[in-house]
Amino acid sequence: MHHFLEHAQHLTFARLALALLLGSIVGVERQWRQRAAGLRTNTLVCLGAAAFVDLGSTLSGSSSTNIIAYVVSGVGFLGAGAIIKEGVGIRGLNTAATLWCSAAIGACAGSGEWLTSIYVTALIMVINIGFRPVSRYIDKRSMGQRQNVVYRIHVICADTHEAQVRAALLESIAELPVTLRQLHTEDGPDPHEIQLHAELEAPEHDRSLIEDIVKHLRRDESVTSVEYGEGNSEVE
């Protein structure tokens, strides 16, 4: 019995050590690219998943399928926290997906599937490193074919009417075939003024679209000035 426990303990140490190593490999690449979930986060997720799966199999002495299901669910909530909505865009999806895959590596290592965990790690590195230039190339080709136009509107208004002007801007945008890419505010040139900066994207060049929005804003008496410009869409 003592020999069996000692053997099981050695297996646990080996599984956790492998999870620690593989999780850190994924994390180094994320840390190098300055992502929200870097070295420590990916290593902890991988190690934690391995520890839970190993513990479940050790205590039950059988399949740890239920433990793996709970790990997948828990990491799903963790990944959701890495996703950030900015205007109409969303960033952090790749970070969340990488965390999910780190948990998969840990689950494989914790269940004793050592070769599978190494293979999954290699595939993740190929995707995050090798597919990056391919993804950028596809984006550039796609954006180049569409030739979208970006319009920028700069509005200065009284700080007490910021919400009113913002609502008027959003209302006028909603009625036109344009996409709001971002909208942010900053202090105006006067202590009692606010600047609103909006970036819109249209499928084709049509200055009348932006002029309609500007005319709508200039009807508001609280608006001091409205300026606008245009340029080519950029790949982010």
C-alpha atoms as a PDB file:
ATOM      1  CA  MET A   1       0.000   0.000   0.000  1.00  0.00           C
ATOM      2  CA  HIS A   2       2.787   2.364   0.932  1.00  0.00           C
ATOM      3  CA  HIS A   3       4.582   1.581  -2.319  1.00  0.00           C
ATOM      4  CA  PHE A   4       1.402   2.290  -4.282  1.00  0.00           C
ATOM      5  CA  LEU A   5       0.898   5.678  -2.610  1.00  0.00           C
ATOM      6  CA  GLU A   6       4.506   6.617  -3.198  1.00  0.00           C
ATOM      7  CA  HIS A   7       4.201   5.691  -6.860  1.00  0.00           C
ATOM      8  CA  ALA A   8       0.989   7.733  -7.205  1.00  0.00           C
ATOM      9  CA  GLN A   9       2.700  10.691  -5.567  1.00  0.00           C
ATOM     10  CA  HIS A  10       5.598  10.514  -7.995  1.00  0.00           C
ATOM     11  CA  LEU A  11       3.131  10.457 -10.888  1.00  0.00           C
ATOM     12  CA  THR A  12       1.394  13.544  -9.488  1.00  0.00           C
ATOM     13  CA  PHE A  13       4.665  15.448  -9.204  1.00  0.00           C
ATOM     14  CA  ALA A  14       5.598  14.505 -12.763  1.00  0.00           C
ATOM     15  CA  ARG A  15       2.215  15.546 -14.155  1.00  0.00           C
ATOM     16  CA  LEU A  16       2.232  18.883 -12.354  1.00  0.00           C
ATOM     17  CA  ALA A  17       5.817  19.564 -13.404  1.00  0.00           C
ATOM     18  CA  LEU A  18       4.914  18.895 -17.028  1.00  0.00           C
ATOM     19  CA  ALA A  19       1.864  21.180 -16.777  1.00  0.00           C
ATOM     20  CA  LEU A  20       4.054  23.888 -15.241  1.00  0.00           C
ATOM     21  CA  LEU A  21       6.584  23.605 -18.058  1.00  0.00           C
ATOM     22  CA  LEU A  22       4.069  23.534 -20.921  1.00  0.00           C
ATOM     23  CA  GLY A  23       1.941  26.321 -19.452  1.00  0.00           C
ATOM     24  CA  SER A  24       5.014  28.528 -19.115  1.00  0.00           C
ATOM     25  CA  ILE A  25       5.942  27.896 -22.760  1.00  0.00           C
ATOM     26  CA  VAL A  26       2.550  29.203 -23.886  1.00  0.00           C
ATOM     27  CA  GLY A  27       2.745  32.059 -21.368  1.00  0.00           C
ATOM     28  CA  VAL A  28       6.161  33.280 -22.529  1.00  0.00           C
ATOM     29  CA  GLU A  29       4.841  33.896 -26.035  1.00  0.00           C
ATOM     30  CA  ARG A  30       1.814  35.756 -24.628  1.00  0.00           C
ATOM     31  CA  GLN A  31       4.020  37.814 -22.290  1.00  0.00           C
ATOM     32  CA  TRP A  32       6.386  38.671 -25.160  1.00  0.00           C
ATOM     33  CA  ARG A  33       3.456  40.134 -27.095  1.00  0.00           C
ATOM     34  CA  GLN A  34       2.302  42.071 -24.003  1.00  0.00           C
ATOM     35  CA  ARG A  35      -1.088  40.382 -23.781  1.00  0.00           C
ATOM     36  CA  ALA A  36      -3.376  40.753 -20.758  1.00  0.00           C
ATOM     37  CA  ALA A  37      -2.895  37.075 -19.852  1.00  0.00           C
ATOM     38  CA  GLY A  38       0.840  36.458 -19.923  1.00  0.00           C
ATOM     39  CA  LEU A  39       3.354  34.082 -18.385  1.00  0.00           C
ATOM     40  CA  ARG A  40       1.950  33.746 -14.889  1.00  0.00           C
ATOM     41  CA  THR A  41      -1.712  33.588 -15.900  1.00  0.00           C
ATOM     42  CA  ASN A  42      -1.285  30.867 -18.523  1.00  0.00           C
ATOM     43  CA  THR A  43       1.032  28.884 -16.249  1.00  0.00           C
ATOM     44  CA  LEU A  44      -1.410  29.085 -13.355  1.00  0.00           C
ATOM     45  CA  VAL A  45      -4.370  28.044 -15.528  1.00  0.00           C
ATOM     46  CA  CYS A  46      -2.449  25.076 -16.928  1.00  0.00           C
ATOM     47  CA  LEU A  47      -1.119  24.008 -13.523  1.00  0.00           C
ATOM     48  CA  GLY A  48      -4.498  24.453 -11.830  1.00  0.00           C
ATOM     49  CA  ALA A  49      -6.285  22.387 -14.460  1.00  0.00           C
ATOM     50  CA  ALA A  50      -3.701  19.623 -14.093  1.00  0.00           C
ATOM     51  CA  ALA A  51      -3.977  19.662 -10.294  1.00  0.00           C
ATOM     52  CA  PHE A  52      -7.770  19.382 -10.342  1.00  0.00           C
ATOM     53  CA  VAL A  53      -7.789  16.587 -12.895  1.00  0.00           C
ATOM     54  CA  ASP A  54      -5.022  14.665 -11.109  1.00  0.00           C
ATOM     55  CA  LEU A  55      -6.742  15.090  -7.763  1.00  0.00           C
ATOM     56  CA  GLY A  56     -10.036  13.880  -9.189  1.00  0.00           C
ATOM     57  CA  SER A  57      -8.490  10.771 -10.699  1.00  0.00           C
ATOM     58  CA  THR A  58      -6.520  10.057  -7.507  1.00  0.00           C
ATOM     59  CA  LEU A  59      -9.507  10.328  -5.175  1.00  0.00           C
ATOM     60  CA  SER A  60     -11.995   8.526  -7.375  1.00  0.00           C
ATOM     61  CA  GLY A  61      -9.526   6.044  -8.807  1.00  0.00           C
ATOM     62  CA  SER A  62     -11.383   6.159 -12.109  1.00  0.00           C
ATOM     63  CA  SER A  63     -12.285   8.541 -14.906  1.00  0.00           C
ATOM     64  CA  SER A  64     -12.024  12.261 -14.110  1.00  0.00           C
ATOM     65  CA  THR A  65     -14.464  13.312 -16.844  1.00  0.00           C
ATOM     66  CA  ASN A  66     -16.648  15.301 -14.460  1.00  0.00           C
ATOM     67  CA  ILE A  67     -13.640  17.206 -13.106  1.00  0.00           C
ATOM     68  CA  ILE A  68     -12.547  18.084 -16.632  1.00  0.00           C
ATOM     69  CA  ALA A  69     -16.052  19.369 -17.396  1.00  0.00           C
ATOM     70  CA  TYR A  70     -15.916  21.673 -14.356  1.00  0.00           C
ATOM     71  CA  VAL A  71     -12.448  22.893 -15.357  1.00  0.00           C
ATOM     72  CA  VAL A  72     -13.676  23.774 -18.858  1.00  0.00           C
ATOM     73  CA  SER A  73     -16.652  25.641 -17.407  1.00  0.00           C
ATOM     74  CA  GLY A  74     -14.537  27.540 -14.877  1.00  0.00           C
ATOM     75  CA  VAL A  75     -11.928  28.611 -17.415  1.00  0.00           C
ATOM     76  CA  GLY A  76     -14.770  29.787 -19.653  1.00  0.00           C
ATOM     77  CA  PHE A  77     -15.717  32.384 -17.022  1.00  0.00           C
ATOM     78  CA  LEU A  78     -12.073  33.366 -16.617  1.00  0.00           C
ATOM     79  CA  GLY A  79     -11.668  33.832 -20.363  1.00  0.00           C
ATOM     80  CA  ALA A  80     -14.812  35.944 -20.539  1.00  0.00           C
ATOM     81  CA  GLY A  81     -13.127  38.441 -18.225  1.00  0.00           C
ATOM     82  CA  ALA A  82     -10.318  38.904 -20.760  1.00  0.00           C
ATOM     83  CA  ILE A  83     -12.738  39.969 -23.510  1.00  0.00           C
ATOM     84  CA  ILE A  84     -13.185  43.734 -23.749  1.00  0.00           C
ATOM     85  CA  LYS A  85     -15.750  45.578 -25.876  1.00  0.00           C
ATOM     86  CA  GLU A  86     -14.548  48.832 -27.409  1.00  0.00           C
ATOM     87  CA  GLY A  87     -17.255  50.660 -29.332  1.00  0.00           C
ATOM     88  CA  VAL A  88     -18.475  48.189 -31.914  1.00  0.00           C
ATOM     89  CA  GLY A  89     -15.224  46.213 -31.767  1.00  0.00           C
ATOM     90  CA  ILE A  90     -14.103  43.462 -29.431  1.00  0.00           C
ATOM     91  CA  ARG A  91     -10.574  42.602 -28.344  1.00  0.00           C
ATOM     92  CA  GLY A  92      -9.185  39.865 -26.116  1.00  0.00           C
ATOM     93  CA  LEU A  93     -10.765  36.939 -27.956  1.00  0.00           C
ATOM     94  CA  ASN A  94      -7.397  35.372 -28.762  1.00  0.00           C
ATOM     95  CA  THR A  95      -6.283  35.811 -25.148  1.00  0.00           C
ATOM     96  CA  ALA A  96      -9.427  34.079 -23.901  1.00  0.00           C
ATOM     97  CA  ALA A  97      -8.997  31.255 -26.417  1.00  0.00           C
ATOM     98  CA  THR A  98      -5.366  30.777 -25.379  1.00  0.00           C
ATOM     99  CA  LEU A  99      -6.384  30.518 -21.716  1.00  0.00           C
ATOM    100  CA  TRP A 100      -8.916  27.879 -22.689  1.00  0.00           C
ATOM    101  CA  CYS A 101      -6.225  25.938 -24.556  1.00  0.00           C
ATOM    102  CA  SER A 102      -3.835  26.269 -21.585  1.00  0.00           C
ATOM    103  CA  ALA A 103      -6.473  24.586 -19.469  1.00  0.00           C
ATOM    104  CA  ALA A 104      -6.706  21.824 -22.078  1.00  0.00           C
ATOM    105  CA  ILE A 105      -2.950  21.282 -21.831  1.00  0.00           C
ATOM    106  CA  GLY A 106      -3.207  21.044 -18.053  1.00  0.00           C
ATOM    107  CA  ALA A 107      -6.145  18.628 -18.247  1.00  0.00           C
ATOM    108  CA  CYS A 108      -4.181  16.367 -20.606  1.00  0.00           C
ATOM    109  CA  ALA A 109      -1.095  16.460 -18.386  1.00  0.00           C
ATOM    110  CA  GLY A 110      -3.135  15.899 -15.226  1.00  0.00           C
ATOM    111  CA  SER A 111      -4.857  12.861 -16.695  1.00  0.00           C
ATOM    112  CA  GLY A 112      -1.558  11.287 -17.730  1.00  0.00           C
ATOM    113  CA  GLU A 113      -1.869  12.029 -21.466  1.00  0.00           C
ATOM    114  CA  TRP A 114       1.659  13.398 -21.642  1.00  0.00           C
ATOM    115  CA  LEU A 115       2.243  13.124 -25.382  1.00  0.00           C
ATOM    116  CA  THR A 116      -1.135  14.710 -26.090  1.00  0.00           C
ATOM    117  CA  SER A 117      -0.357  17.657 -23.809  1.00  0.00           C
ATOM    118  CA  ILE A 118       2.974  18.241 -25.568  1.00  0.00           C
ATOM    119  CA  TYR A 119       1.334  17.961 -28.978  1.00  0.00           C
ATOM    120  CA  VAL A 120      -1.415  20.440 -28.032  1.00  0.00           C
ATOM    121  CA  THR A 121       1.226  22.880 -26.760  1.00  0.00           C
ATOM    122  CA  ALA A 122       3.110  22.641 -30.055  1.00  0.00           C
ATOM    123  CA  LEU A 123      -0.082  23.298 -32.019  1.00  0.00           C
ATOM    124  CA  ILE A 124      -0.932  26.344 -29.886  1.00  0.00           C
ATOM    125  CA  MET A 125       2.510  27.814 -30.512  1.00  0.00           C
ATOM    126  CA  VAL A 126       2.113  27.219 -34.242  1.00  0.00           C
ATOM    127  CA  ILE A 127      -1.261  28.996 -34.195  1.00  0.00           C
ATOM    128  CA  ASN A 128      -0.178  31.994 -32.092  1.00  0.00           C
ATOM    129  CA  ILE A 129       3.169  32.474 -33.853  1.00  0.00           C
ATOM    130  CA  GLY A 130       2.916  30.892 -37.284  1.00  0.00           C
ATOM    131  CA  PHE A 131      -0.627  31.949 -38.121  1.00  0.00           C
ATOM    132  CA  ARG A 132      -0.053  35.584 -37.099  1.00  0.00           C
ATOM    133  CA  PRO A 133       1.500  36.778 -40.402  1.00  0.00           C
ATOM    134  CA  VAL A 134      -1.071  34.750 -42.336  1.00  0.00           C
ATOM    135  CA  SER A 135      -3.891  36.454 -40.438  1.00  0.00           C
ATOM    136  CA  ARG A 136      -2.423  39.895 -41.087  1.00  0.00           C
ATOM    137  CA  TYR A 137      -2.015  39.147 -44.777  1.00  0.00           C
ATOM    138  CA  ILE A 138      -5.661  38.070 -45.059  1.00  0.00           C
ATOM    139  CA  ASP A 139      -6.785  41.218 -43.213  1.00  0.00           C
ATOM    140  CA  LYS A 140      -4.786  43.465 -45.520  1.00  0.00           C
ATOM    141  CA  ARG A 141      -6.122  41.766 -48.625  1.00  0.00           C
ATOM    142  CA  SER A 142      -9.680  41.906 -47.343  1.00  0.00           C
ATOM    143  CA  MET A 143      -9.501  45.552 -46.283  1.00  0.00           C
ATOM    144  CA  GLY A 144      -7.766  46.475 -49.551  1.00  0.00           C
ATOM    145  CA  GLN A 145     -10.562  44.986 -51.600  1.00  0.00           C
ATOM    146  CA  ARG A 146     -13.303  46.714 -49.624  1.00  0.00           C
ATOM    147  CA  GLN A 147     -11.582  50.109 -49.605  1.00  0.00           C
ATOM    148  CA  ASN A 148     -13.677  51.358 -46.739  1.00  0.00           C
ATOM    149  CA  VAL A 149     -13.550  55.043 -45.833  1.00  0.00           C
ATOM    150  CA  VAL A 150     -13.033  56.280 -42.286  1.00  0.00           C
ATOM    151  CA  TYR A 151     -14.624  59.565 -41.193  1.00  0.00           C
ATOM    152  CA  ARG A 152     -13.642  61.379 -38.008  1.00  0.00           C
ATOM    153  CA  ILE A 153     -15.923  63.867 -36.271  1.00  0.00           C
ATOM    154  CA  HIS A 154     -14.732  66.238 -33.523  1.00  0.00           C
ATOM    155  CA  VAL A 155     -17.421  68.022 -31.511  1.00  0.00           C
ATOM    156  CA  ILE A 156     -16.983  70.641 -28.788  1.00  0.00           C
ATOM    157  CA  CYS A 157     -19.961  71.271 -26.528  1.00  0.00           C
ATOM    158  CA  ALA A 158     -20.879  72.443 -23.044  1.00  0.00           C
ATOM    159  CA  ASP A 159     -19.980  69.850 -20.421  1.00  0.00           C
ATOM    160  CA  THR A 160     -23.519  70.016 -18.994  1.00  0.00           C
ATOM    161  CA  HIS A 161     -24.947  68.869 -22.349  1.00  0.00           C
ATOM    162  CA  GLU A 162     -22.482  66.049 -23.071  1.00  0.00           C
ATOM    163  CA  ALA A 163     -25.106  63.300 -22.713  1.00  0.00           C
ATOM    164  CA  GLN A 164     -27.553  65.191 -24.930  1.00  0.00           C
ATOM    165  CA  VAL A 165     -24.992  65.762 -27.700  1.00  0.00           C
ATOM    166  CA  ARG A 166     -23.747  62.172 -27.479  1.00  0.00           C
ATOM    167  CA  ALA A 167     -27.317  60.906 -27.844  1.00  0.00           C
ATOM    168  CA  ALA A 168     -27.898  63.168 -30.854  1.00  0.00           C
ATOM    169  CA  LEU A 169     -24.699  61.906 -32.460  1.00  0.00           C
ATOM    170  CA  LEU A 170     -25.603  58.246 -31.936  1.00  0.00           C
ATOM    171  CA  GLU A 171     -29.133  58.869 -33.192  1.00  0.00           C
ATOM    172  CA  SER A 172     -27.913  60.439 -36.438  1.00  0.00           C
ATOM    173  CA  ILE A 173     -25.382  57.631 -36.958  1.00  0.00           C
ATOM    174  CA  ALA A 174     -28.032  54.952 -36.470  1.00  0.00           C
ATOM    175  CA  GLU A 175     -30.028  56.343 -39.376  1.00  0.00           C
ATOM    176  CA  LEU A 176     -27.151  56.115 -41.877  1.00  0.00           C
ATOM    177  CA  PRO A 177     -25.234  53.188 -43.468  1.00  0.00           C
ATOM    178  CA  VAL A 178     -22.085  53.795 -41.418  1.00  0.00           C
ATOM    179  CA  THR A 179     -20.405  51.864 -38.591  1.00  0.00           C
ATOM    180  CA  LEU A 180     -19.253  53.497 -35.365  1.00  0.00           C
ATOM    181  CA  ARG A 181     -15.683  52.297 -34.732  1.00  0.00           C
ATOM    182  CA  GLN A 182     -15.016  54.290 -31.588  1.00  0.00           C
ATOM    183  CA  LEU A 183     -16.352  57.189 -29.537  1.00  0.00           C
ATOM    184  CA  HIS A 184     -14.505  58.854 -26.685  1.00  0.00           C
ATOM    185  CA  THR A 185     -14.444  62.160 -24.808  1.00  0.00           C
ATOM    186  CA  GLU A 186     -11.781  64.443 -23.398  1.00  0.00           C
ATOM    187  CA  ASP A 187     -11.538  67.851 -21.807  1.00  0.00           C
ATOM    188  CA  GLY A 188     -12.288  70.779 -24.067  1.00  0.00           C
ATOM    189  CA  PRO A 189     -10.293  73.979 -24.611  1.00  0.00           C
ATOM    190  CA  ASP A 190     -12.542  75.724 -22.066  1.00  0.00           C
ATOM    191  CA  PRO A 191     -12.969  74.387 -18.495  1.00  0.00           C
ATOM    192  CA  HIS A 192     -16.711  74.104 -19.071  1.00  0.00           C
ATOM    193  CA  GLU A 193     -16.473  72.335 -22.423  1.00  0.00           C
ATOM    194  CA  ILE A 194     -16.105  68.707 -23.522  1.00  0.00           C
ATOM    195  CA  GLN A 195     -14.730  67.289 -26.763  1.00  0.00           C
ATOM    196  CA  LEU A 196     -16.387  64.272 -28.388  1.00  0.00           C
ATOM    197  CA  HIS A 197     -14.334  62.302 -30.921  1.00  0.00           C
ATOM    198  CA  ALA A 198     -16.131  59.782 -33.140  1.00  0.00           C
ATOM    199  CA  GLU A 199     -14.631  57.514 -35.784  1.00  0.00           C
ATOM    200  CA  LEU A 200     -17.011  56.127 -38.393  1.00  0.00           C
ATOM    201  CA  GLU A 201     -16.518  53.664 -41.227  1.00  0.00           C
ATOM    202  CA  ALA A 202     -18.469  53.660 -44.493  1.00  0.00           C
ATOM    203  CA  PRO A 203     -18.353  51.056 -47.279  1.00  0.00           C
ATOM    204  CA  GLU A 204     -17.724  53.729 -49.907  1.00  0.00           C
ATOM    205  CA  HIS A 205     -16.816  57.386 -50.223  1.00  0.00           C
ATOM    206  CA  ASP A 206     -19.913  59.517 -49.715  1.00  0.00           C
ATOM    207  CA  ARG A 207     -19.317  62.930 -48.135  1.00  0.00           C
ATOM    208  CA  SER A 208     -23.059  63.577 -47.889  1.00  0.00           C
ATOM    209  CA  LEU A 209     -23.279  60.959 -45.141  1.00  0.00           C
ATOM    210  CA  ILE A 210     -20.904  62.813 -42.849  1.00  0.00           C
ATOM    211  CA  GLU A 211     -22.399  66.182 -43.775  1.00  0.00           C
ATOM    212  CA  ASP A 212     -25.843  65.007 -42.683  1.00  0.00           C
ATOM    213  CA  ILE A 213     -24.451  64.102 -39.258  1.00  0.00           C
ATOM    214  CA  VAL A 214     -22.631  67.433 -38.953  1.00  0.00           C
ATOM    215  CA  LYS A 215     -25.767  69.409 -39.875  1.00  0.00           C
ATOM    216  CA  HIS A 216     -27.759  67.493 -37.291  1.00  0.00           C
ATOM    217  CA  LEU A 217     -25.212  68.311 -34.576  1.00  0.00           C
ATOM    218  CA  ARG A 218     -24.940  71.982 -35.480  1.00  0.00           C
ATOM    219  CA  ARG A 219     -28.641  72.452 -34.811  1.00  0.00           C
ATOM    220  CA  ASP A 220     -27.900  71.881 -31.119  1.00  0.00           C
ATOM    221  CA  GLU A 221     -27.319  75.252 -29.400  1.00  0.00           C
ATOM    222  CA  SER A 222     -24.980  73.688 -26.836  1.00  0.00           C
ATOM    223  CA  VAL A 223     -22.535  72.648 -29.585  1.00  0.00           C
ATOM    224  CA  THR A 224     -19.694  75.156 -29.978  1.00  0.00           C
ATOM    225  CA  SER A 225     -18.050  73.680 -33.047  1.00  0.00           C
ATOM    226  CA  VAL A 226     -18.068  70.584 -35.271  1.00  0.00           C
ATOM    227  CA  GLU A 227     -15.152  69.511 -37.448  1.00  0.00           C
ATOM    228  CA  TYR A 228     -14.688  66.422 -39.564  1.00  0.00           C
ATOM    229  CA  GLY A 229     -12.162  64.698 -41.786  1.00  0.00           C
ATOM    230  CA  GLU A 230     -11.695  61.472 -43.709  1.00  0.00           C
ATOM    231  CA  GLY A 231      -9.075  58.849 -44.485  1.00  0.00           C
ATOM    232  CA  ASN A 232      -8.512  55.240 -45.451  1.00  0.00           C
ATOM    233  CA  SER A 233      -9.454  52.377 -43.167  1.00  0.00           C
ATOM    234  CA  GLU A 234      -6.571  50.771 -41.279  1.00  0.00           C
ATOM    235  CA  VAL A 235      -6.016  47.152 -40.251  1.00  0.00           C
ATOM    236  CA  GLU A 236      -5.855  46.827 -36.462  1.00  0.00           C
END
